Amino acid sequence: GVIFHAAQQTGHPELARVAVEHCLTSRRTLVRGDGSASHEAIFDLDTGQFLRQTTQQGWRDDASWARGQGWAMYGFGTAYRYTGDRRFLDTAIACADFYGERTGDQLVSPNDWEEPTPAVHYESSAAAIAADAFWQLAGLVQDEVKARAYADYAIRILVRLAEDDFLAADDPGWEGVLKHGTYHETKNLGVDESVMWGDY
């Protein structure tokens, strides 16, 4: 979004081109056919050839790290908002539908949906980002039924995050807004705490 905004404010076409190319590359190399998103893409530094998907914070390289999924939903929706390129909207929808299908009425995802026995059952920052993404998508899709479903799901996530087991409002010793966020599960850093991107 920052590069699109800078291109818009400066009228610099090269910035816009770079932003679009980055989004197209991310779409091609990070988003899978089922709408799940990989955390990272590894490229050959000499040739630029895409080599493989990997992760630092998900359960395994072919799994589905929830916060990255939220960023994909939001990022591709934002790319569509700036460009009107339907490919980005379609990608945002696929990513959002994956989140909704995998999380369902639980509303708040785990750190990674594929992890068979997660140490922590929730990753609140992923849910907060996803709620923002669902809300944005509700204003972007033309299908009124789908728009209403996205808006309703965003609100349901926010209501869930505002409940006592997630919202730290009544816990004066808690340093943050949302409980049950995770910075980096595999390195055991900031697990089951508040993280700034979820609080924001």
Protein backbone atom coordinates (compact mmCIF):
# COMPACT_ATOMS: atom_id res chain seq x y z
CA GLY A 1 0.00 0.00 0.00
CA VAL A 2 2.83 2.43 0.79
CA ILE A 3 4.35 2.23 -2.68
CA PHE A 4 0.95 2.58 -4.35
CA HIS A 5 0.25 5.60 -2.16
CA ALA A 6 3.64 7.14 -2.97
CA ALA A 7 3.05 6.59 -6.69
CA GLN A 8 -0.38 8.19 -6.42
CA GLN A 9 0.91 11.20 -4.49
CA THR A 10 3.96 11.80 -6.69
CA GLY A 11 2.49 10.79 -10.03
CA HIS A 12 5.64 8.72 -10.57
CA PRO A 13 4.75 5.84 -12.96
CA GLU A 14 7.87 3.81 -12.12
CA LEU A 15 6.74 3.48 -8.48
CA ALA A 16 3.34 2.25 -9.62
CA ARG A 17 4.96 -0.25 -12.00
CA VAL A 18 7.21 -1.61 -9.24
CA ALA A 19 4.25 -2.00 -6.88
CA VAL A 20 2.17 -3.84 -9.49
CA GLU A 21 5.07 -6.14 -10.45
CA HIS A 22 5.72 -6.94 -6.79
CA CYS A 23 2.06 -7.84 -6.28
CA LEU A 24 1.97 -9.98 -9.40
CA THR A 25 5.13 -11.81 -8.32
CA SER A 26 3.70 -12.34 -4.82
CA ARG A 27 0.45 -13.59 -6.32
CA ARG A 28 2.28 -16.04 -8.59
CA THR A 29 4.78 -17.38 -6.04
CA LEU A 30 3.06 -17.11 -2.65
CA VAL A 31 -0.64 -17.82 -3.18
CA ARG A 32 -1.61 -21.42 -3.80
CA GLY A 33 -4.55 -22.73 -5.82
CA ASP A 34 -6.71 -23.24 -2.72
CA GLY A 35 -6.24 -19.61 -1.63
CA SER A 36 -3.72 -20.37 1.10
CA ALA A 37 -0.63 -18.19 1.23
CA SER A 38 2.95 -19.18 1.88
CA HIS A 39 5.05 -17.07 4.23
CA GLU A 40 8.08 -16.70 1.95
CA ALA A 41 9.26 -17.27 -1.58
CA ILE A 42 12.91 -18.12 -2.23
CA PHE A 43 14.50 -16.96 -5.50
CA ASP A 44 17.83 -17.60 -7.18
CA LEU A 45 19.76 -14.37 -6.62
CA ASP A 46 21.61 -14.65 -9.92
CA THR A 47 18.77 -15.55 -12.27
CA GLY A 48 15.70 -14.32 -10.36
CA GLN A 49 14.10 -17.74 -10.85
CA PHE A 50 11.54 -18.74 -8.22
CA LEU A 51 12.83 -21.80 -6.33
CA ARG A 52 10.38 -22.70 -3.55
CA GLN A 53 8.03 -21.60 -0.82
CA THR A 54 9.23 -21.61 2.77
CA THR A 55 8.36 -20.22 6.19
CA GLN A 56 10.03 -18.86 9.28
CA GLN A 57 6.94 -18.61 11.47
CA GLY A 58 4.54 -21.23 10.16
CA TRP A 59 4.49 -24.91 11.06
CA ARG A 60 6.20 -26.12 7.87
CA ASP A 61 6.99 -24.82 4.39
CA ASP A 62 3.80 -26.09 2.74
CA ALA A 63 1.53 -25.10 5.61
CA SER A 64 -0.66 -22.04 6.14
CA TRP A 65 0.63 -19.42 8.58
CA ALA A 66 -2.42 -17.44 9.65
CA ARG A 67 -0.95 -13.95 10.05
CA GLY A 68 0.58 -14.18 6.58
CA GLN A 69 -2.84 -15.22 5.31
CA GLY A 70 -4.34 -12.10 6.88
CA TRP A 71 -1.70 -9.89 5.30
CA ALA A 72 -2.35 -11.53 1.92
CA MET A 73 -6.09 -10.89 2.20
CA TYR A 74 -5.52 -7.28 3.14
CA GLY A 75 -2.62 -6.62 0.78
CA PHE A 76 -4.26 -7.94 -2.36
CA GLY A 77 -7.46 -6.08 -1.50
CA THR A 78 -5.41 -2.90 -1.13
CA ALA A 79 -3.64 -3.56 -4.44
CA TYR A 80 -7.05 -3.86 -6.12
CA ARG A 81 -8.22 -0.64 -4.45
CA TYR A 82 -5.29 1.25 -5.96
CA THR A 83 -5.20 -0.40 -9.38
CA GLY A 84 -8.63 -1.75 -10.23
CA ASP A 85 -6.81 -4.89 -11.46
CA ARG A 86 -9.33 -7.70 -11.03
CA ARG A 87 -6.55 -10.27 -10.55
CA PHE A 88 -5.76 -8.71 -7.18
CA LEU A 89 -9.39 -8.73 -6.08
CA ASP A 90 -9.77 -12.37 -7.12
CA THR A 91 -6.65 -13.24 -5.12
CA ALA A 92 -7.89 -11.36 -2.04
CA ILE A 93 -11.22 -13.19 -2.29
CA ALA A 94 -9.50 -16.58 -2.58
CA CYS A 95 -7.33 -15.82 0.45
CA ALA A 96 -10.33 -14.57 2.45
CA ASP A 97 -12.43 -17.58 1.58
CA PHE A 98 -9.60 -19.86 2.69
CA TYR A 99 -9.42 -18.06 6.06
CA GLY A 100 -13.19 -18.24 6.52
CA GLU A 101 -13.43 -21.91 5.53
CA ARG A 102 -10.54 -22.99 7.74
CA THR A 103 -11.49 -20.88 10.78
CA GLY A 104 -15.28 -20.97 10.60
CA ASP A 105 -17.20 -20.20 13.79
CA GLN A 106 -14.00 -20.28 15.86
CA LEU A 107 -13.35 -16.86 14.23
CA VAL A 108 -9.82 -16.62 15.63
CA SER A 109 -7.33 -18.84 13.84
CA PRO A 110 -4.41 -20.77 15.29
CA ASN A 111 -0.88 -19.70 14.33
CA ASP A 112 -0.97 -22.24 11.48
CA TRP A 113 -3.99 -24.28 10.42
CA GLU A 114 -1.88 -27.30 9.48
CA GLU A 115 -0.17 -27.70 12.87
CA PRO A 116 -1.74 -30.87 14.33
CA THR A 117 -1.31 -30.05 18.03
CA PRO A 118 -0.67 -26.32 18.44
CA ALA A 119 0.78 -25.18 21.76
CA VAL A 120 -1.52 -22.14 21.60
CA HIS A 121 -4.97 -22.46 20.05
CA TYR A 122 -5.32 -18.83 18.95
CA GLU A 123 -3.36 -16.15 17.14
CA SER A 124 -5.30 -12.96 17.82
CA SER A 125 -3.17 -10.69 15.65
CA ALA A 126 -3.97 -12.84 12.60
CA ALA A 127 -7.66 -12.51 13.41
CA ALA A 128 -7.43 -8.72 13.87
CA ILE A 129 -5.70 -8.35 10.49
CA ALA A 130 -8.21 -10.73 8.89
CA ALA A 131 -11.12 -8.71 10.31
CA ASP A 132 -9.69 -5.57 8.70
CA ALA A 133 -9.23 -7.46 5.43
CA PHE A 134 -12.78 -8.86 5.46
CA TRP A 135 -14.16 -5.37 6.15
CA GLN A 136 -12.13 -3.90 3.28
CA LEU A 137 -13.30 -6.67 0.93
CA ALA A 138 -16.92 -6.04 1.88
CA GLY A 139 -16.54 -2.62 0.31
CA LEU A 140 -14.77 -3.93 -2.80
CA VAL A 141 -16.80 -6.88 -4.04
CA GLN A 142 -19.77 -6.25 -6.33
CA ASP A 143 -21.79 -9.25 -5.13
CA GLU A 144 -24.03 -7.88 -2.35
CA VAL A 145 -24.49 -11.27 -0.70
CA LYS A 146 -20.73 -11.85 -0.54
CA ALA A 147 -20.16 -8.28 0.65
CA ARG A 148 -22.64 -8.78 3.49
CA ALA A 149 -21.05 -12.12 4.42
CA TYR A 150 -17.58 -10.52 4.58
CA ALA A 151 -18.83 -7.58 6.65
CA ASP A 152 -20.69 -9.87 9.04
CA TYR A 153 -17.66 -12.11 9.45
CA ALA A 154 -15.42 -9.10 10.15
CA ILE A 155 -17.80 -7.89 12.85
CA ARG A 156 -18.09 -11.37 14.37
CA ILE A 157 -14.28 -11.56 14.61
CA LEU A 158 -14.12 -8.14 16.29
CA VAL A 159 -16.87 -9.03 18.76
CA ARG A 160 -14.99 -12.24 19.61
CA LEU A 161 -11.73 -10.33 20.11
CA ALA A 162 -13.55 -7.90 22.43
CA GLU A 163 -14.55 -10.70 24.81
CA ASP A 164 -12.84 -11.04 28.18
CA ASP A 165 -10.52 -13.90 27.21
CA PHE A 166 -8.96 -11.79 24.42
CA LEU A 167 -9.33 -8.13 25.41
CA ALA A 168 -6.90 -7.09 28.14
CA ALA A 169 -8.98 -4.07 29.24
CA ASP A 170 -9.65 -5.45 32.72
CA ASP A 171 -6.11 -6.72 33.28
CA PRO A 172 -4.00 -3.75 34.46
CA GLY A 173 -0.82 -5.85 34.49
CA TRP A 174 -1.12 -6.83 30.82
CA GLU A 175 1.07 -4.79 28.46
CA GLY A 176 -1.05 -4.71 25.35
CA VAL A 177 -4.59 -4.72 24.01
CA LEU A 178 -5.20 -8.23 22.66
CA LYS A 179 -4.13 -11.37 24.46
CA HIS A 180 -3.21 -14.62 22.68
CA GLY A 181 -1.10 -13.11 19.93
CA THR A 182 2.12 -14.70 18.74
CA TYR A 183 5.18 -13.03 17.29
CA HIS A 184 7.32 -16.08 16.40
CA GLU A 185 6.10 -19.49 17.57
CA THR A 186 8.97 -21.59 16.19
CA LYS A 187 11.55 -19.48 18.05
CA ASN A 188 9.30 -19.21 21.12
CA LEU A 189 9.38 -15.41 20.93
CA GLY A 190 6.33 -13.46 22.06
CA VAL A 191 4.09 -16.53 22.20
CA ASP A 192 0.62 -16.01 23.72
CA GLU A 193 1.23 -12.32 24.32
CA SER A 194 0.18 -9.03 22.72
CA VAL A 195 1.84 -8.06 19.44
CA MET A 196 1.78 -4.56 17.97
CA TRP A 197 0.27 -5.42 14.58
CA GLY A 198 -2.67 -7.15 16.25
CA ASP A 199 -3.17 -4.30 18.70
CA TYR A 200 -2.95 -1.72 15.92
